[in-house]
C-alpha atoms as a PDB file:
ATOM      1  CA  MET A   1       1.746   5.627 -34.553  1.00  0.00           C
ATOM      2  CA  SER A   2      -0.003   8.979 -34.355  1.00  0.00           C
ATOM      3  CA  ASN A   3       1.455  11.984 -32.561  1.00  0.00           C
ATOM      4  CA  LEU A   4      -1.989  13.546 -32.238  1.00  0.00           C
ATOM      5  CA  ARG A   5      -2.529  15.603 -29.113  1.00  0.00           C
ATOM      6  CA  ILE A   6      -6.126  16.171 -28.042  1.00  0.00           C
ATOM      7  CA  ASN A   7      -6.745  19.371 -26.090  1.00  0.00           C
ATOM      8  CA  THR A   8     -10.067  18.811 -24.292  1.00  0.00           C
ATOM      9  CA  ASN A   9     -12.092  21.528 -22.601  1.00  0.00           C
ATOM     10  CA  PRO A  10     -13.386  20.071 -19.274  1.00  0.00           C
ATOM     11  CA  GLY A  11     -16.872  21.335 -20.153  1.00  0.00           C
ATOM     12  CA  VAL A  12     -17.118  18.683 -22.870  1.00  0.00           C
ATOM     13  CA  THR A  13     -17.165  15.933 -20.231  1.00  0.00           C
ATOM     14  CA  LEU A  14     -19.994  17.703 -18.417  1.00  0.00           C
ATOM     15  CA  VAL A  15     -22.060  17.875 -21.619  1.00  0.00           C
ATOM     16  CA  PHE A  16     -21.448  14.179 -22.313  1.00  0.00           C
ATOM     17  CA  ASN A  17     -22.422  13.282 -18.730  1.00  0.00           C
ATOM     18  CA  ASN A  18     -25.720  15.153 -19.119  1.00  0.00           C
ATOM     19  CA  TYR A  19     -26.852  13.113 -22.128  1.00  0.00           C
ATOM     20  CA  PRO A  20     -29.230  10.218 -21.413  1.00  0.00           C
ATOM     21  CA  PRO A  21     -27.207   6.956 -21.187  1.00  0.00           C
ATOM     22  CA  GLU A  22     -28.256   5.603 -24.615  1.00  0.00           C
ATOM     23  CA  ILE A  23     -27.472   8.948 -26.261  1.00  0.00           C
ATOM     24  CA  ARG A  24     -24.135   9.180 -24.455  1.00  0.00           C
ATOM     25  CA  LEU A  25     -23.139   5.908 -26.176  1.00  0.00           C
ATOM     26  CA  LYS A  26     -24.236   7.162 -29.615  1.00  0.00           C
ATOM     27  CA  ILE A  27     -22.556  10.562 -29.294  1.00  0.00           C
ATOM     28  CA  GLY A  28     -19.522   8.870 -27.768  1.00  0.00           C
ATOM     29  CA  TYR A  29     -19.235   6.677 -30.854  1.00  0.00           C
ATOM     30  CA  LEU A  30     -19.246   9.774 -33.099  1.00  0.00           C
ATOM     31  CA  ARG A  31     -16.507  11.241 -30.892  1.00  0.00           C
ATOM     32  CA  THR A  32     -14.470   8.040 -31.278  1.00  0.00           C
ATOM     33  CA  LEU A  33     -14.827   8.199 -35.071  1.00  0.00           C
ATOM     34  CA  ILE A  34     -13.681  11.831 -35.096  1.00  0.00           C
ATOM     35  CA  ILE A  35     -10.602  11.023 -33.009  1.00  0.00           C
ATOM     36  CA  GLU A  36      -9.814   7.886 -35.056  1.00  0.00           C
ATOM     37  CA  SER A  37     -10.091   9.917 -38.254  1.00  0.00           C
ATOM     38  CA  ALA A  38      -7.894  12.700 -36.883  1.00  0.00           C
ATOM     39  CA  LYS A  39      -5.199  10.192 -35.899  1.00  0.00           C
ATOM     40  CA  LYS A  40      -5.002   8.995 -39.523  1.00  0.00           C
ATOM     41  CA  ILE A  41      -4.403  12.476 -40.969  1.00  0.00           C
ATOM     42  CA  GLU A  42      -0.739  12.862 -41.791  1.00  0.00           C
ATOM     43  CA  GLY A  43       0.812  15.931 -40.208  1.00  0.00           C
ATOM     44  CA  LEU A  44      -2.119  16.647 -37.885  1.00  0.00           C
ATOM     45  CA  SER A  45      -0.687  17.195 -34.428  1.00  0.00           C
ATOM     46  CA  LEU A  46      -3.519  18.871 -32.491  1.00  0.00           C
ATOM     47  CA  LEU A  47      -7.255  18.264 -32.260  1.00  0.00           C
ATOM     48  CA  GLU A  48      -9.111  20.831 -30.185  1.00  0.00           C
ATOM     49  CA  GLU A  49     -12.144  19.372 -28.370  1.00  0.00           C
ATOM     50  CA  THR A  50     -14.211  22.228 -27.023  1.00  0.00           C
ATOM     51  CA  LEU A  51     -17.766  23.568 -26.804  1.00  0.00           C
ATOM     52  CA  LYS A  52     -19.478  25.747 -29.385  1.00  0.00           C
ATOM     53  CA  TRP A  53     -23.141  26.551 -28.741  1.00  0.00           C
ATOM     54  CA  ASN A  54     -22.773  24.151 -25.791  1.00  0.00           C
ATOM     55  CA  GLU A  55     -22.151  21.278 -28.230  1.00  0.00           C
ATOM     56  CA  PRO A  56     -19.014  19.114 -28.312  1.00  0.00           C
ATOM     57  CA  SER A  57     -16.931  20.613 -31.139  1.00  0.00           C
ATOM     58  CA  TYR A  58     -13.751  19.543 -32.904  1.00  0.00           C
ATOM     59  CA  LEU A  59     -11.304  21.926 -34.570  1.00  0.00           C
ATOM     60  CA  THR A  60      -8.000  21.692 -36.396  1.00  0.00           C
ATOM     61  CA  LYS A  61      -5.841  24.456 -37.876  1.00  0.00           C
ATOM     62  CA  THR A  62      -6.548  23.281 -41.422  1.00  0.00           C
ATOM     63  CA  GLY A  63     -10.143  22.181 -40.972  1.00  0.00           C
ATOM     64  CA  SER A  64     -13.705  23.275 -40.566  1.00  0.00           C
ATOM     65  CA  THR A  65     -15.442  22.871 -37.196  1.00  0.00           C
ATOM     66  CA  ILE A  66     -17.352  19.645 -36.555  1.00  0.00           C
ATOM     67  CA  ARG A  67     -20.026  19.582 -33.846  1.00  0.00           C
ATOM     68  CA  ILE A  68     -21.967  16.610 -32.457  1.00  0.00           C
ATOM     69  CA  ASP A  69     -25.149  16.757 -30.426  1.00  0.00           C
ATOM     70  CA  TRP A  70     -28.539  15.382 -29.406  1.00  0.00           C
ATOM     71  CA  LYS A  71     -31.490  17.608 -28.666  1.00  0.00           C
ATOM     72  CA  ALA A  72     -34.387  16.753 -26.357  1.00  0.00           C
ATOM     73  CA  LYS A  73     -36.863  18.259 -28.858  1.00  0.00           C
ATOM     74  CA  ASN A  74     -35.920  15.434 -31.290  1.00  0.00           C
ATOM     75  CA  PRO A  75     -35.269  12.614 -28.817  1.00  0.00           C
ATOM     76  CA  ASP A  76     -35.028   9.847 -31.433  1.00  0.00           C
ATOM     77  CA  GLN A  77     -32.154  11.412 -33.393  1.00  0.00           C
ATOM     78  CA  TYR A  78     -28.671  12.856 -33.003  1.00  0.00           C
ATOM     79  CA  ALA A  79     -26.376  14.554 -35.487  1.00  0.00           C
ATOM     80  CA  ILE A  80     -22.933  15.538 -36.666  1.00  0.00           C
ATOM     81  CA  TYR A  81     -22.885  19.181 -37.778  1.00  0.00           C
ATOM     82  CA  PHE A  82     -20.667  20.945 -40.308  1.00  0.00           C
ATOM     83  CA  LYS A  83     -20.323  24.607 -41.254  1.00  0.00           C
ATOM     84  CA  CYS A  84     -23.395  25.287 -43.415  1.00  0.00           C
ATOM     85  CA  THR A  85     -21.595  27.727 -45.715  1.00  0.00           C
ATOM     86  CA  SER A  86     -18.911  25.171 -46.618  1.00  0.00           C
ATOM     87  CA  LYS A  87     -19.044  22.695 -49.496  1.00  0.00           C
ATOM     88  CA  LEU A  88     -18.959  19.789 -47.043  1.00  0.00           C
ATOM     89  CA  VAL A  89     -22.560  18.542 -46.835  1.00  0.00           C
ATOM     90  CA  PRO A  90     -23.375  19.297 -50.507  1.00  0.00           C
ATOM     91  CA  THR A  91     -20.303  17.242 -51.449  1.00  0.00           C
ATOM     92  CA  PHE A  92     -21.307  14.402 -49.090  1.00  0.00           C
ATOM     93  CA  LYS A  93     -24.725  14.344 -50.772  1.00  0.00           C
ATOM     94  CA  MET A  94     -23.082  14.155 -54.199  1.00  0.00           C
ATOM     95  CA  VAL A  95     -20.561  11.445 -53.251  1.00  0.00           C
ATOM     96  CA  PHE A  96     -22.658   9.312 -50.894  1.00  0.00           C
ATOM     97  CA  ASN A  97     -26.192  10.006 -52.182  1.00  0.00           C
ATOM     98  CA  ASN A  98     -28.687   8.284 -49.875  1.00  0.00           C
ATOM     99  CA  THR A  99     -26.095   6.683 -47.588  1.00  0.00           C
ATOM    100  CA  PHE A 100     -26.946   9.356 -45.017  1.00  0.00           C
ATOM    101  CA  LYS A 101     -29.939  11.442 -43.989  1.00  0.00           C
ATOM    102  CA  TYR A 102     -29.141  15.145 -44.141  1.00  0.00           C
ATOM    103  CA  GLU A 103     -30.456  18.316 -42.589  1.00  0.00           C
ATOM    104  CA  GLY A 104     -30.027  20.957 -45.252  1.00  0.00           C
ATOM    105  CA  SER A 105     -26.387  21.820 -45.815  1.00  0.00           C
ATOM    106  CA  ARG A 106     -25.406  21.617 -42.168  1.00  0.00           C
ATOM    107  CA  ALA A 107     -25.765  18.101 -40.765  1.00  0.00           C
ATOM    108  CA  ILE A 108     -25.868  14.351 -41.120  1.00  0.00           C
ATOM    109  CA  ILE A 109     -28.720  13.036 -38.993  1.00  0.00           C
ATOM    110  CA  PHE A 110     -28.869   9.605 -37.348  1.00  0.00           C
ATOM    111  CA  HIS A 111     -31.881   7.955 -35.767  1.00  0.00           C
ATOM    112  CA  LEU A 112     -31.273   5.877 -32.669  1.00  0.00           C
ATOM    113  CA  GLU A 113     -31.809   2.586 -34.528  1.00  0.00           C
ATOM    114  CA  ASP A 114     -29.573   3.508 -37.492  1.00  0.00           C
ATOM    115  CA  SER A 115     -26.337   1.677 -38.101  1.00  0.00           C
ATOM    116  CA  ILE A 116     -23.564   4.099 -39.000  1.00  0.00           C
ATOM    117  CA  PRO A 117     -21.635   3.491 -42.241  1.00  0.00           C
ATOM    118  CA  LYS A 118     -18.248   3.896 -40.551  1.00  0.00           C
ATOM    119  CA  GLU A 119     -15.956   4.171 -43.587  1.00  0.00           C
ATOM    120  CA  GLU A 120     -18.168   6.701 -45.347  1.00  0.00           C
ATOM    121  CA  LEU A 121     -18.650   8.804 -42.216  1.00  0.00           C
ATOM    122  CA  GLN A 122     -14.918   8.803 -41.522  1.00  0.00           C
ATOM    123  CA  ALA A 123     -14.339  10.071 -45.073  1.00  0.00           C
ATOM    124  CA  CYS A 124     -16.729  12.949 -44.306  1.00  0.00           C
ATOM    125  CA  ILE A 125     -14.991  13.663 -40.998  1.00  0.00           C
ATOM    126  CA  THR A 126     -11.550  13.635 -42.640  1.00  0.00           C
ATOM    127  CA  ALA A 127     -12.757  16.054 -45.326  1.00  0.00           C
ATOM    128  CA  ALA A 128     -13.996  18.417 -42.600  1.00  0.00           C
ATOM    129  CA  LEU A 129     -10.840  18.162 -40.495  1.00  0.00           C
ATOM    130  CA  THR A 130      -8.705  18.969 -43.576  1.00  0.00           C
ATOM    131  CA  TYR A 131     -11.207  21.258 -45.310  1.00  0.00           C
ATOM    132  CA  HIS A 132      -8.869  24.195 -45.981  1.00  0.00           C
ATOM    133  CA  LYS A 133      -6.427  21.837 -47.683  1.00  0.00           C
ATOM    134  CA  VAL A 134      -9.036  20.030 -49.820  1.00  0.00           C
ATOM    135  CA  LYS A 135     -11.762  22.600 -50.535  1.00  0.00           C
ATOM    136  CA  HIS A 136     -10.348  23.251 -54.021  1.00  0.00           C
ATOM    137  CA  LEU A 137     -10.757  19.544 -54.973  1.00  0.00           C
ATOM    138  CA  PRO A 138     -13.984  18.593 -56.824  1.00  0.00           C
ATOM    139  CA  THR A 139     -15.031  16.035 -54.196  1.00  0.00           C
ATOM    140  CA  LEU A 140     -12.867  17.318 -51.322  1.00  0.00           C
ATOM    141  CA  GLY A 141     -10.505  14.387 -51.688  1.00  0.00           C
ATOM    142  CA  ILE A 142     -13.234  11.823 -50.987  1.00  0.00           C
END
């Protein structure tokens, strides 16, 4: 059983409530995968759920920030964002090839009709949440 504590900024709920209903479900699923992944990380005791650039964001002491969002200018897609200067997305491209659609070195993009490869995405999330512990590994421990 996990001892993970989630410290949630109340503003996150407001952002989620402002998404259109279908998007709220999609973004909510990404949130669930982030929390599930965090619970499986040995020794991780705190997941910070906050807002960065008004986007739901997830931080750990040993990780790199993960953000999730949908933007009205691209209504048919939503994304999970990673720090663009990290090795995260380039490594995901190398390990998972065409499993995902990417936006440069900063995001994995999903279209509304896409099914999400859960195991692969959770591996990406885990690598981000433990980034400072795994960044020296050739494939970030994936």
